[in-house]
Amino acid sequence: MNKSLRNKIITVCNEKIKSKGDNVGLSFYAFFANKNDNPERLMEAAKWWIMENKLNHFEKAIKIKGIVEKQF
């Protein structure tokens, strides 16, 4: 996963946790705008989320942040 996407994931997770608490869930779509303006990056996130980590559609933001920080 490229550094830009890692940073985006951590930033979004931090924002969601800060605004909604430790129990907030999200999907990998949370890291993108509501339009498909970067399909390569979207597929990179989807592959990491689904294929590499076998995550459910919605996961706790705190869990996702922890995985990213541990892996990279």
PDB file of N, CA and C in Angstrom:
ATOM      1  N   MET A   1       0.842  -1.172   0.000  1.00  0.00           N
ATOM      2  CA  MET A   1       0.000   0.000   0.000  1.00  0.00           C
ATOM      3  C   MET A   1       0.888   1.237   0.000  1.00  0.00           C
ATOM      4  N   ASN A   2       0.526   2.208  -0.827  1.00  0.00           N
ATOM      5  CA  ASN A   2       1.376   3.398  -0.901  1.00  0.00           C
ATOM      6  C   ASN A   2       1.194   4.292   0.332  1.00  0.00           C
ATOM      7  N   LYS A   3       2.185   5.112   0.564  1.00  0.00           N
ATOM      8  CA  LYS A   3       2.227   5.946   1.764  1.00  0.00           C
ATOM      9  C   LYS A   3       1.050   6.916   1.831  1.00  0.00           C
ATOM     10  N   SER A   4       0.660   7.448   0.706  1.00  0.00           N
ATOM     11  CA  SER A   4      -0.455   8.388   0.659  1.00  0.00           C
ATOM     12  C   SER A   4      -1.748   7.741   1.153  1.00  0.00           C
ATOM     13  N   LEU A   5      -2.012   6.516   0.713  1.00  0.00           N
ATOM     14  CA  LEU A   5      -3.215   5.805   1.143  1.00  0.00           C
ATOM     15  C   LEU A   5      -3.135   5.449   2.623  1.00  0.00           C
ATOM     16  N   ARG A   6      -1.977   5.006   3.089  1.00  0.00           N
ATOM     17  CA  ARG A   6      -1.799   4.714   4.522  1.00  0.00           C
ATOM     18  C   ARG A   6      -2.112   5.941   5.364  1.00  0.00           C
ATOM     19  N   ASN A   7      -1.562   7.082   4.963  1.00  0.00           N
ATOM     20  CA  ASN A   7      -1.790   8.318   5.706  1.00  0.00           C
ATOM     21  C   ASN A   7      -3.262   8.710   5.697  1.00  0.00           C
ATOM     22  N   LYS A   8      -3.920   8.538   4.557  1.00  0.00           N
ATOM     23  CA  LYS A   8      -5.337   8.856   4.441  1.00  0.00           C
ATOM     24  C   LYS A   8      -6.162   7.967   5.377  1.00  0.00           C
ATOM     25  N   ILE A   9      -5.862   6.682   5.410  1.00  0.00           N
ATOM     26  CA  ILE A   9      -6.589   5.753   6.277  1.00  0.00           C
ATOM     27  C   ILE A   9      -6.444   6.151   7.743  1.00  0.00           C
ATOM     28  N   ILE A  10      -5.231   6.429   8.164  1.00  0.00           N
ATOM     29  CA  ILE A  10      -4.986   6.814   9.561  1.00  0.00           C
ATOM     30  C   ILE A  10      -5.691   8.128   9.889  1.00  0.00           C
ATOM     31  N   THR A  11      -5.635   9.099   8.983  1.00  0.00           N
ATOM     32  CA  THR A  11      -6.299  10.386   9.203  1.00  0.00           C
ATOM     33  C   THR A  11      -7.805  10.217   9.336  1.00  0.00           C
ATOM     34  N   VAL A  12      -8.413   9.464   8.420  1.00  0.00           N
ATOM     35  CA  VAL A  12      -9.857   9.255   8.460  1.00  0.00           C
ATOM     36  C   VAL A  12     -10.247   8.506   9.730  1.00  0.00           C
ATOM     37  N   CYS A  13      -9.502   7.476  10.079  1.00  0.00           N
ATOM     38  CA  CYS A  13      -9.797   6.735  11.311  1.00  0.00           C
ATOM     39  C   CYS A  13      -9.725   7.647  12.526  1.00  0.00           C
ATOM     40  N   ASN A  14      -8.684   8.465  12.609  1.00  0.00           N
ATOM     41  CA  ASN A  14      -8.548   9.402  13.731  1.00  0.00           C
ATOM     42  C   ASN A  14      -9.726  10.367  13.798  1.00  0.00           C
ATOM     43  N   GLU A  15     -10.136  10.902  12.647  1.00  0.00           N
ATOM     44  CA  GLU A  15     -11.260  11.845  12.608  1.00  0.00           C
ATOM     45  C   GLU A  15     -12.558  11.174  13.049  1.00  0.00           C
ATOM     46  N   LYS A  16     -12.808   9.970  12.544  1.00  0.00           N
ATOM     47  CA  LYS A  16     -14.038   9.252  12.901  1.00  0.00           C
ATOM     48  C   LYS A  16     -14.055   8.897  14.394  1.00  0.00           C
ATOM     49  N   ILE A  17     -12.932   8.426  14.911  1.00  0.00           N
ATOM     50  CA  ILE A  17     -12.838   8.077  16.329  1.00  0.00           C
ATOM     51  C   ILE A  17     -13.054   9.316  17.192  1.00  0.00           C
ATOM     52  N   LYS A  18     -12.441  10.422  16.798  1.00  0.00           N
ATOM     53  CA  LYS A  18     -12.576  11.673  17.561  1.00  0.00           C
ATOM     54  C   LYS A  18     -14.023  12.161  17.571  1.00  0.00           C
ATOM     55  N   SER A  19     -14.705  12.060  16.434  1.00  0.00           N
ATOM     56  CA  SER A  19     -16.060  12.607  16.358  1.00  0.00           C
ATOM     57  C   SER A  19     -17.139  11.646  16.842  1.00  0.00           C
ATOM     58  N   LYS A  20     -16.900  10.325  16.740  1.00  0.00           N
ATOM     59  CA  LYS A  20     -17.966   9.370  17.064  1.00  0.00           C
ATOM     60  C   LYS A  20     -17.586   8.338  18.128  1.00  0.00           C
ATOM     61  N   GLY A  21     -16.343   8.356  18.578  1.00  0.00           N
ATOM     62  CA  GLY A  21     -15.923   7.450  19.640  1.00  0.00           C
ATOM     63  C   GLY A  21     -15.243   6.189  19.142  1.00  0.00           C
ATOM     64  N   ASP A  22     -14.705   5.427  20.084  1.00  0.00           N
ATOM     65  CA  ASP A  22     -13.918   4.221  19.778  1.00  0.00           C
ATOM     66  C   ASP A  22     -14.721   3.109  19.119  1.00  0.00           C
ATOM     67  N   ASN A  23     -16.030   3.166  19.207  1.00  0.00           N
ATOM     68  CA  ASN A  23     -16.868   2.090  18.690  1.00  0.00           C
ATOM     69  C   ASN A  23     -17.316   2.327  17.242  1.00  0.00           C
ATOM     70  N   VAL A  24     -16.877   3.405  16.623  1.00  0.00           N
ATOM     71  CA  VAL A  24     -17.327   3.743  15.269  1.00  0.00           C
ATOM     72  C   VAL A  24     -16.786   2.734  14.246  1.00  0.00           C
ATOM     73  N   GLY A  25     -17.657   2.345  13.327  1.00  0.00           N
ATOM     74  CA  GLY A  25     -17.272   1.436  12.258  1.00  0.00           C
ATOM     75  C   GLY A  25     -17.207   2.164  10.937  1.00  0.00           C
ATOM     76  N   LEU A  26     -16.468   1.602  10.009  1.00  0.00           N
ATOM     77  CA  LEU A  26     -16.386   2.170   8.671  1.00  0.00           C
ATOM     78  C   LEU A  26     -16.029   1.094   7.661  1.00  0.00           C
ATOM     79  N   SER A  27     -16.216   1.416   6.390  1.00  0.00           N
ATOM     80  CA  SER A  27     -15.814   0.524   5.312  1.00  0.00           C
ATOM     81  C   SER A  27     -14.675   1.197   4.551  1.00  0.00           C
ATOM     82  N   PHE A  28     -14.075   0.492   3.609  1.00  0.00           N
ATOM     83  CA  PHE A  28     -12.964   1.106   2.890  1.00  0.00           C
ATOM     84  C   PHE A  28     -13.425   2.267   2.012  1.00  0.00           C
ATOM     85  N   TYR A  29     -14.717   2.361   1.750  1.00  0.00           N
ATOM     86  CA  TYR A  29     -15.239   3.502   0.990  1.00  0.00           C
ATOM     87  C   TYR A  29     -15.095   4.810   1.759  1.00  0.00           C
ATOM     88  N   ALA A  30     -14.912   4.754   3.063  1.00  0.00           N
ATOM     89  CA  ALA A  30     -14.773   5.961   3.881  1.00  0.00           C
ATOM     90  C   ALA A  30     -13.541   6.774   3.501  1.00  0.00           C
ATOM     91  N   PHE A  31     -12.613   6.161   2.795  1.00  0.00           N
ATOM     92  CA  PHE A  31     -11.363   6.838   2.453  1.00  0.00           C
ATOM     93  C   PHE A  31     -11.417   7.525   1.095  1.00  0.00           C
ATOM     94  N   PHE A  32     -12.611   7.566   0.483  1.00  0.00           N
ATOM     95  CA  PHE A  32     -12.759   8.100  -0.869  1.00  0.00           C
ATOM     96  C   PHE A  32     -13.951   9.032  -0.959  1.00  0.00           C
ATOM     97  N   ALA A  33     -13.920   9.912  -1.971  1.00  0.00           N
ATOM     98  CA  ALA A  33     -15.053  10.787  -2.255  1.00  0.00           C
ATOM     99  C   ALA A  33     -16.176   9.939  -2.845  1.00  0.00           C
ATOM    100  N   ASN A  34     -17.340  10.502  -2.964  1.00  0.00           N
ATOM    101  CA  ASN A  34     -18.484   9.772  -3.504  1.00  0.00           C
ATOM    102  C   ASN A  34     -18.470   9.719  -5.032  1.00  0.00           C
ATOM    103  N   LYS A  35     -17.306   9.662  -5.602  1.00  0.00           N
ATOM    104  CA  LYS A  35     -17.174   9.491  -7.038  1.00  0.00           C
ATOM    105  C   LYS A  35     -15.911   8.691  -7.297  1.00  0.00           C
ATOM    106  N   ASN A  36     -15.894   8.007  -8.385  1.00  0.00           N
ATOM    107  CA  ASN A  36     -14.773   7.125  -8.707  1.00  0.00           C
ATOM    108  C   ASN A  36     -13.724   7.898  -9.509  1.00  0.00           C
ATOM    109  N   ASP A  37     -13.005   8.799  -8.829  1.00  0.00           N
ATOM    110  CA  ASP A  37     -12.015   9.626  -9.512  1.00  0.00           C
ATOM    111  C   ASP A  37     -10.599   9.055  -9.439  1.00  0.00           C
ATOM    112  N   ASN A  38     -10.425   7.958  -8.711  1.00  0.00           N
ATOM    113  CA  ASN A  38      -9.113   7.328  -8.633  1.00  0.00           C
ATOM    114  C   ASN A  38      -9.301   5.813  -8.493  1.00  0.00           C
ATOM    115  N   PRO A  39      -9.686   5.135  -9.575  1.00  0.00           N
ATOM    116  CA  PRO A  39     -10.001   3.706  -9.490  1.00  0.00           C
ATOM    117  C   PRO A  39      -8.827   2.838  -9.047  1.00  0.00           C
ATOM    118  N   GLU A  40      -7.607   3.222  -9.396  1.00  0.00           N
ATOM    119  CA  GLU A  40      -6.447   2.425  -8.992  1.00  0.00           C
ATOM    120  C   GLU A  40      -6.283   2.432  -7.472  1.00  0.00           C
ATOM    121  N   ARG A  41      -6.446   3.595  -6.881  1.00  0.00           N
ATOM    122  CA  ARG A  41      -6.313   3.714  -5.429  1.00  0.00           C
ATOM    123  C   ARG A  41      -7.465   2.993  -4.722  1.00  0.00           C
ATOM    124  N   LEU A  42      -8.665   3.093  -5.283  1.00  0.00           N
ATOM    125  CA  LEU A  42      -9.815   2.390  -4.723  1.00  0.00           C
ATOM    126  C   LEU A  42      -9.581   0.887  -4.741  1.00  0.00           C
ATOM    127  N   MET A  43      -9.068   0.368  -5.846  1.00  0.00           N
ATOM    128  CA  MET A  43      -8.805  -1.065  -5.949  1.00  0.00           C
ATOM    129  C   MET A  43      -7.672  -1.491  -5.016  1.00  0.00           C
ATOM    130  N   GLU A  44      -6.690  -0.634  -4.828  1.00  0.00           N
ATOM    131  CA  GLU A  44      -5.607  -0.921  -3.887  1.00  0.00           C
ATOM    132  C   GLU A  44      -6.173  -1.073  -2.468  1.00  0.00           C
ATOM    133  N   ALA A  45      -7.046  -0.155  -2.085  1.00  0.00           N
ATOM    134  CA  ALA A  45      -7.660  -0.226  -0.755  1.00  0.00           C
ATOM    135  C   ALA A  45      -8.553  -1.453  -0.631  1.00  0.00           C
ATOM    136  N   ALA A  46      -9.334  -1.737  -1.671  1.00  0.00           N
ATOM    137  CA  ALA A  46     -10.232  -2.902  -1.650  1.00  0.00           C
ATOM    138  C   ALA A  46      -9.427  -4.194  -1.540  1.00  0.00           C
ATOM    139  N   LYS A  47      -8.355  -4.306  -2.294  1.00  0.00           N
ATOM    140  CA  LYS A  47      -7.514  -5.511  -2.238  1.00  0.00           C
ATOM    141  C   LYS A  47      -6.924  -5.677  -0.837  1.00  0.00           C
ATOM    142  N   TRP A  48      -6.408  -4.599  -0.274  1.00  0.00           N
ATOM    143  CA  TRP A  48      -5.826  -4.656   1.056  1.00  0.00           C
ATOM    144  C   TRP A  48      -6.894  -5.062   2.077  1.00  0.00           C
ATOM    145  N   TRP A  49      -8.071  -4.469   1.992  1.00  0.00           N
ATOM    146  CA  TRP A  49      -9.153  -4.693   2.948  1.00  0.00           C
ATOM    147  C   TRP A  49      -9.712  -6.106   2.826  1.00  0.00           C
ATOM    148  N   ILE A  50     -10.049  -6.510   1.597  1.00  0.00           N
ATOM    149  CA  ILE A  50     -10.769  -7.766   1.374  1.00  0.00           C
ATOM    150  C   ILE A  50      -9.837  -8.960   1.214  1.00  0.00           C
ATOM    151  N   MET A  51      -8.879  -8.854   0.326  1.00  0.00           N
ATOM    152  CA  MET A  51      -8.043 -10.001  -0.014  1.00  0.00           C
ATOM    153  C   MET A  51      -6.923 -10.243   1.007  1.00  0.00           C
ATOM    154  N   GLU A  52      -6.227  -9.198   1.390  1.00  0.00           N
ATOM    155  CA  GLU A  52      -5.076  -9.368   2.269  1.00  0.00           C
ATOM    156  C   GLU A  52      -5.452  -9.529   3.741  1.00  0.00           C
ATOM    157  N   ASN A  53      -6.468  -8.801   4.183  1.00  0.00           N
ATOM    158  CA  ASN A  53      -6.816  -8.812   5.609  1.00  0.00           C
ATOM    159  C   ASN A  53      -8.127  -9.519   5.929  1.00  0.00           C
ATOM    160  N   LYS A  54      -8.866  -9.908   4.888  1.00  0.00           N
ATOM    161  CA  LYS A  54     -10.118 -10.667   5.067  1.00  0.00           C
ATOM    162  C   LYS A  54     -11.087  -9.974   6.035  1.00  0.00           C
ATOM    163  N   LEU A  55     -11.202  -8.660   5.892  1.00  0.00           N
ATOM    164  CA  LEU A  55     -12.048  -7.877   6.777  1.00  0.00           C
ATOM    165  C   LEU A  55     -13.497  -7.896   6.297  1.00  0.00           C
ATOM    166  N   ASN A  56     -14.425  -7.718   7.228  1.00  0.00           N
ATOM    167  CA  ASN A  56     -15.834  -7.586   6.897  1.00  0.00           C
ATOM    168  C   ASN A  56     -16.080  -6.233   6.247  1.00  0.00           C
ATOM    169  N   HIS A  57     -17.291  -6.059   5.709  1.00  0.00           N
ATOM    170  CA  HIS A  57     -17.603  -4.790   5.038  1.00  0.00           C
ATOM    171  C   HIS A  57     -17.413  -3.605   5.987  1.00  0.00           C
ATOM    172  N   PHE A  58     -17.934  -3.710   7.197  1.00  0.00           N
ATOM    173  CA  PHE A  58     -17.734  -2.671   8.207  1.00  0.00           C
ATOM    174  C   PHE A  58     -16.858  -3.222   9.322  1.00  0.00           C
ATOM    175  N   GLU A  59     -15.873  -2.429   9.713  1.00  0.00           N
ATOM    176  CA  GLU A  59     -14.971  -2.768  10.811  1.00  0.00           C
ATOM    177  C   GLU A  59     -14.779  -1.537  11.681  1.00  0.00           C
ATOM    178  N   LYS A  60     -14.368  -1.751  12.896  1.00  0.00           N
ATOM    179  CA  LYS A  60     -14.100  -0.642  13.817  1.00  0.00           C
ATOM    180  C   LYS A  60     -12.902   0.170  13.312  1.00  0.00           C
ATOM    181  N   ALA A  61     -13.044   1.481  13.341  1.00  0.00           N
ATOM    182  CA  ALA A  61     -11.971   2.366  12.886  1.00  0.00           C
ATOM    183  C   ALA A  61     -10.694   2.127  13.684  1.00  0.00           C
ATOM    184  N   ILE A  62     -10.850   1.884  14.976  1.00  0.00           N
ATOM    185  CA  ILE A  62      -9.682   1.663  15.835  1.00  0.00           C
ATOM    186  C   ILE A  62      -8.929   0.393  15.413  1.00  0.00           C
ATOM    187  N   LYS A  63      -9.653  -0.621  14.964  1.00  0.00           N
ATOM    188  CA  LYS A  63      -9.039  -1.864  14.487  1.00  0.00           C
ATOM    189  C   LYS A  63      -8.279  -1.606  13.193  1.00  0.00           C
ATOM    190  N   ILE A  64      -8.895  -0.886  12.263  1.00  0.00           N
ATOM    191  CA  ILE A  64      -8.256  -0.592  10.978  1.00  0.00           C
ATOM    192  C   ILE A  64      -6.989   0.220  11.196  1.00  0.00           C
ATOM    193  N   LYS A  65      -7.074   1.241  12.014  1.00  0.00           N
ATOM    194  CA  LYS A  65      -5.904   2.075  12.316  1.00  0.00           C
ATOM    195  C   LYS A  65      -4.774   1.221  12.892  1.00  0.00           C
ATOM    196  N   GLY A  66      -5.120   0.332  13.820  1.00  0.00           N
ATOM    197  CA  GLY A  66      -4.112  -0.541  14.425  1.00  0.00           C
ATOM    198  C   GLY A  66      -3.444  -1.458  13.409  1.00  0.00           C
ATOM    199  N   ILE A  67      -4.223  -2.019  12.501  1.00  0.00           N
ATOM    200  CA  ILE A  67      -3.666  -2.896  11.463  1.00  0.00           C
ATOM    201  C   ILE A  67      -2.702  -2.122  10.579  1.00  0.00           C
ATOM    202  N   VAL A  68      -3.116  -0.940  10.143  1.00  0.00           N
ATOM    203  CA  VAL A  68      -2.261  -0.128   9.261  1.00  0.00           C
ATOM    204  C   VAL A  68      -0.964   0.244   9.977  1.00  0.00           C
ATOM    205  N   GLU A  69      -1.073   0.677  11.210  1.00  0.00           N
ATOM    206  CA  GLU A  69       0.128   1.085  11.951  1.00  0.00           C
ATOM    207  C   GLU A  69       1.059  -0.106  12.196  1.00  0.00           C
ATOM    208  N   LYS A  70       0.501  -1.275  12.419  1.00  0.00           N
ATOM    209  CA  LYS A  70       1.316  -2.464  12.651  1.00  0.00           C
ATOM    210  C   LYS A  70       1.993  -2.965  11.376  1.00  0.00           C
ATOM    211  N   GLN A  71       1.273  -2.954  10.274  1.00  0.00           N
ATOM    212  CA  GLN A  71       1.794  -3.483   9.013  1.00  0.00           C
ATOM    213  C   GLN A  71       2.815  -2.577   8.376  1.00  0.00           C
ATOM    214  N   PHE A  72       2.691  -1.284   8.629  1.00  0.00           N
ATOM    215  CA  PHE A  72       3.552  -0.353   7.913  1.00  0.00           C
ATOM    216  C   PHE A  72       4.297   0.488   8.900  1.00  0.00           C
TER     217      PHE A  72
END
